[in-house]
Protein backbone atom coordinates (compact mmCIF):
# COMPACT_ATOMS: atom_id res chain seq x y z
CA MET A 1 21.20 35.40 -2.92
CA ILE A 2 22.43 32.13 -4.44
CA ASN A 3 23.28 30.78 -0.99
CA LYS A 4 19.90 31.87 0.30
CA LEU A 5 18.11 29.97 -2.46
CA LYS A 6 20.30 26.94 -1.80
CA ARG A 7 19.34 26.99 1.87
CA PHE A 8 15.68 27.25 0.91
CA ILE A 9 15.91 24.26 -1.42
CA THR A 10 18.08 21.98 0.70
CA GLY A 11 16.75 23.03 4.08
CA ASN A 12 18.68 23.26 7.32
CA ARG A 13 20.68 20.49 8.99
CA ALA A 14 19.33 17.00 8.34
CA SER A 15 17.98 16.44 11.87
CA GLU A 16 16.10 19.75 11.83
CA THR A 17 14.70 19.09 8.35
CA LYS A 18 13.44 15.63 9.26
CA ASN A 19 11.81 16.96 12.39
CA THR A 20 10.05 19.61 10.28
CA TYR A 21 8.74 17.00 7.84
CA TYR A 22 7.42 14.89 10.72
CA ILE A 23 5.63 17.85 12.31
CA GLU A 24 4.14 18.88 8.96
CA LEU A 25 2.72 15.40 8.48
CA LEU A 26 1.18 15.39 11.95
CA GLU A 27 -0.42 18.78 11.37
CA THR A 28 -1.69 18.11 7.84
CA PHE A 29 -3.42 14.73 8.04
CA ASP A 30 -6.66 14.83 6.04
CA TRP A 31 -9.65 12.50 5.83
CA GLU A 32 -9.95 12.52 2.02
CA GLU A 33 -6.87 14.13 0.50
CA CYS A 34 -3.48 12.40 0.54
CA VAL A 35 -1.36 14.09 3.21
CA ILE A 36 1.86 13.70 1.21
CA CYS A 37 0.33 15.02 -2.03
CA LYS A 38 -1.13 17.95 -0.09
CA LEU A 39 2.22 18.85 1.46
CA LEU A 40 4.11 18.46 -1.82
CA LYS A 41 1.67 20.78 -3.60
CA SER A 42 2.12 23.37 -0.86
CA THR A 43 5.92 22.94 -0.93
CA THR A 44 6.16 23.46 -4.70
CA GLU A 45 3.87 26.48 -4.46
CA LYS A 46 6.26 28.01 -1.91
CA TYR A 47 9.17 27.18 -4.24
CA LEU A 48 7.47 29.06 -7.09
CA GLU A 49 6.48 31.97 -4.85
CA ASN A 50 10.12 32.26 -3.80
CA LEU A 51 11.23 32.21 -7.41
CA LEU A 52 8.78 34.94 -8.41
CA HIS A 53 9.35 37.13 -5.34
CA GLU A 54 13.09 36.87 -4.70
CA PHE A 55 14.97 34.79 -7.23
CA THR A 56 13.75 35.94 -10.63
CA MET A 57 17.19 37.35 -11.43
CA ASP A 58 19.16 34.60 -9.69
CA PRO A 59 21.62 33.19 -12.29
CA VAL A 60 21.55 29.64 -10.90
CA SER A 61 17.75 29.45 -11.01
CA ARG A 62 17.63 30.99 -14.49
CA ARG A 63 20.23 28.54 -15.80
CA GLU A 64 18.30 25.54 -14.42
CA ILE A 65 15.11 26.76 -16.12
CA ARG A 66 16.90 27.36 -19.43
CA GLN A 67 18.65 24.01 -19.48
CA ALA A 68 15.35 22.24 -18.78
CA TYR A 69 13.57 24.36 -21.43
CA GLY A 70 11.13 25.50 -18.78
CA TYR A 71 9.07 23.20 -16.60
CA CYS A 72 7.08 20.03 -17.27
CA ALA A 73 3.37 20.42 -18.14
CA LYS A 74 2.24 19.76 -14.56
CA HIS A 75 4.53 22.35 -13.00
CA THR A 76 4.01 24.87 -15.80
CA ALA A 77 0.30 24.78 -14.91
CA GLN A 78 1.22 25.29 -11.26
CA LEU A 79 3.50 28.22 -12.19
CA VAL A 80 0.59 29.85 -14.05
CA GLU A 81 -1.69 29.33 -11.05
CA VAL A 82 0.81 30.74 -8.55
CA THR A 83 1.58 33.71 -10.82
CA LYS A 84 -2.11 34.57 -11.08
CA ASN A 85 -2.67 34.19 -7.33
CA THR A 86 0.34 36.37 -6.42
CA ASN A 87 0.00 38.81 -9.34
CA GLN A 88 3.66 38.30 -10.23
CA ARG A 89 3.24 38.58 -14.01
CA LEU A 90 6.32 40.77 -14.36
CA SER A 91 8.56 38.21 -12.67
CA ALA A 92 7.07 35.36 -14.71
CA SER A 93 7.54 37.40 -17.90
CA ILE A 94 11.21 38.08 -17.09
CA VAL A 95 11.81 34.34 -16.60
CA ALA A 96 9.84 33.57 -19.78
CA GLU A 97 11.79 36.14 -21.80
CA ASP A 98 15.08 34.62 -20.68
CA LEU A 99 13.81 31.19 -21.72
CA ALA A 100 12.59 32.51 -25.09
CA ASP A 101 16.00 34.07 -25.79
CA TYR A 102 17.67 30.74 -25.02
CA VAL A 103 15.37 28.74 -27.32
CA LEU A 104 15.85 31.30 -30.12
CA LYS A 105 19.60 31.07 -29.67
CA GLN A 106 19.44 27.29 -30.14
CA CYS A 107 17.37 27.63 -33.30
CA ARG A 108 19.53 30.40 -34.79
CA ARG A 109 22.72 28.51 -34.00
CA SER A 110 21.44 25.51 -35.90
CA LEU A 111 20.35 27.63 -38.87
CA LYS A 112 23.78 29.21 -39.17
CA SER A 113 25.55 25.87 -38.97
CA GLY A 114 23.56 24.42 -41.86
CA ILE A 115 20.73 22.48 -40.28
CA ARG A 116 19.76 19.12 -41.77
CA ALA A 117 17.19 16.48 -40.94
CA GLY A 118 18.03 13.72 -38.50
CA ILE A 119 20.36 15.69 -36.18
CA ASP A 120 19.84 17.17 -32.73
CA VAL A 121 18.95 20.81 -33.15
CA PHE A 122 18.79 21.60 -29.44
CA LYS A 123 21.09 20.93 -26.54
CA LYS A 124 20.02 18.04 -24.33
CA ARG A 125 17.05 18.91 -22.13
CA ASP A 126 17.62 18.63 -18.37
CA SER A 127 14.94 17.39 -15.99
CA CYS A 128 12.29 19.84 -14.80
CA PRO A 129 13.81 21.72 -11.80
CA ILE A 130 10.58 21.45 -9.84
CA CYS A 131 10.28 17.71 -10.53
CA LYS A 132 13.74 17.26 -9.00
CA TYR A 133 12.76 19.45 -6.05
CA TYR A 134 9.46 17.55 -5.71
CA SER A 135 11.22 14.17 -5.78
CA LYS A 136 13.69 15.19 -3.06
CA HIS A 137 10.93 16.32 -0.70
CA GLU A 138 8.70 13.37 -1.54
CA LYS A 139 11.46 11.00 -0.39
CA MET A 140 11.76 12.91 2.89
CA TYR A 141 8.00 12.82 3.56
CA ILE A 142 7.88 9.09 2.78
CA SER A 143 10.85 8.47 5.06
CA GLU A 144 9.30 10.39 7.95
CA PHE A 145 5.92 8.76 7.36
CA SER A 146 7.54 5.31 7.50
CA LYS A 147 9.39 6.13 10.72
CA GLY A 148 6.28 7.74 12.19
CA SER A 149 4.22 4.60 11.60
CA ALA A 150 6.02 3.04 14.56
CA LYS A 151 5.00 5.90 16.87
CA GLU A 152 1.68 5.85 18.71
CA GLU A 153 1.00 9.59 18.37
CA PHE A 154 1.57 9.39 14.62
CA ILE A 155 -0.66 6.36 14.02
CA ASP A 156 -3.42 7.84 16.22
CA LYS A 157 -3.44 10.98 14.08
CA PHE A 158 -3.40 8.97 10.87
CA VAL A 159 -6.22 6.64 11.94
CA GLU A 160 -8.29 9.74 12.76
CA LYS A 161 -7.65 11.21 9.29
CA PRO A 162 -6.29 8.41 7.06
CA GLY A 163 -5.97 10.27 3.78
CA ILE A 164 -3.29 8.80 1.51
CA CYS A 165 -3.28 8.05 -2.24
CA ILE A 166 -2.43 4.63 -3.60
CA GLU A 167 0.94 5.80 -5.01
CA HIS A 168 2.16 7.03 -1.64
CA LEU A 169 0.56 4.14 0.23
CA ILE A 170 2.64 1.78 -1.93
CA LYS A 171 5.84 3.79 -1.46
CA VAL A 172 5.37 4.12 2.30
CA SER A 173 4.45 0.42 2.66
CA ARG A 174 7.60 -0.65 0.84
CA SER A 175 9.80 1.35 3.20
CA ILE A 176 8.22 0.08 6.45
CA LYS A 177 10.14 -2.76 8.10
CA ASP A 178 7.83 -3.26 11.10
CA LEU A 179 4.95 -5.63 10.24
CA ALA A 180 2.81 -4.41 13.14
CA ALA A 181 3.20 -0.80 11.99
CA LEU A 182 2.31 -1.77 8.42
CA LYS A 183 -0.89 -3.47 9.61
CA LYS A 184 -1.90 -0.34 11.54
CA LEU A 185 -1.36 1.71 8.39
CA LEU A 186 -3.39 -0.62 6.16
CA ARG A 187 -6.40 -1.31 8.42
CA PRO A 188 -8.01 2.15 7.96
CA GLN A 189 -7.62 1.81 4.18
CA VAL A 190 -9.33 -1.60 4.23
CA GLU A 191 -12.26 -0.15 6.21
CA ILE A 192 -12.69 2.99 4.07
CA ILE A 193 -12.19 1.40 0.65
CA GLY A 194 -14.25 -1.59 1.76
CA ALA A 195 -17.17 0.72 2.60
CA ILE A 196 -16.90 2.44 -0.78
CA ASP A 197 -16.71 -0.94 -2.50
CA LEU A 198 -19.96 -1.98 -0.82
CA GLU A 199 -21.65 1.21 -2.06
CA LEU A 200 -20.34 0.55 -5.58
CA ASN A 201 -21.67 -2.99 -5.43
CA ASN A 202 -25.08 -1.74 -4.28
CA PHE A 203 -25.17 0.84 -7.07
CA VAL A 204 -24.44 -1.76 -9.74
CA LYS A 205 -27.14 -4.08 -8.35
CA LYS A 206 -29.75 -1.34 -8.00
CA PHE A 207 -28.98 0.02 -11.46
CA ASP A 208 -30.36 -3.20 -12.89
CA HIS A 209 -33.83 -2.58 -14.37
CA LYS A 210 -35.15 -5.51 -12.35
CA SER A 211 -34.30 -3.82 -9.04
CA SER A 212 -36.91 -1.67 -7.30
CA GLU A 213 -34.55 -0.32 -4.63
CA LYS A 214 -33.70 3.37 -4.73
CA ILE A 215 -30.09 4.36 -5.37
CA THR A 216 -28.72 6.63 -2.63
CA ASP A 217 -26.64 9.75 -3.30
CA ARG A 218 -23.62 8.13 -1.68
CA GLU A 219 -23.94 5.06 -3.87
CA ALA A 220 -24.24 7.20 -6.98
CA SER A 221 -21.10 9.18 -6.07
CA ALA A 222 -19.06 6.24 -4.73
CA TRP A 223 -17.04 5.90 -7.94
CA ILE A 224 -15.94 9.55 -7.69
CA ARG A 225 -14.88 9.14 -4.07
CA LEU A 226 -12.90 6.02 -4.90
CA PHE A 227 -10.94 7.63 -7.74
CA ASN A 228 -10.37 10.82 -5.73
CA ARG A 229 -9.13 8.81 -2.77
CA ILE A 230 -6.83 6.55 -4.78
CA ASN A 231 -5.48 9.27 -7.05
CA SER A 232 -4.90 12.42 -5.03
CA THR A 233 -2.97 15.36 -6.50
């Protein structure tokens, strides 16, 4: 079981894994939502589903959760969502009970040893296991996106549905060495954000009490679309 979880987390051979990431990007391009954010959300959901379905009793997984004192706030919320959607409350409760026992052990150990102010009561907290998993896959998606930007089929797909958040646009841009490829990546963003900027400008002008022009629905919602586009999840 441990080896099976390891294979799930690390993936197959490097060449096969990279090919999978590339295909996933091609198949998941979106007009509004960031393709990398979308894939990472799906990937972490599968990670949690695997934990709840198959690896609840896996000692390696349980140890990682204990040493991190659970998950970060973002991934705790995702765990709750996945648990509700899959009705795996028993599995989540078993993991939670194991974590509770560990935290109680830390507290009781400190009480017995004569706790005093100004000392570390708990053992050092490790990084959130899902954050580490997320970071590893994020790097792979960014790498494949950067390589794909030099391929015609990839850019054609992206131009058709150029959804990418500002965080991943920055990270991808920094890893692209080909100036021509970088320009192809940035042009759709200039067009889309430029159009939203024009609508924002019109809204501000028309909002003035001196203006008699009617504000359109798109102008009124332009600020929402800008923030959603720049900050995907």
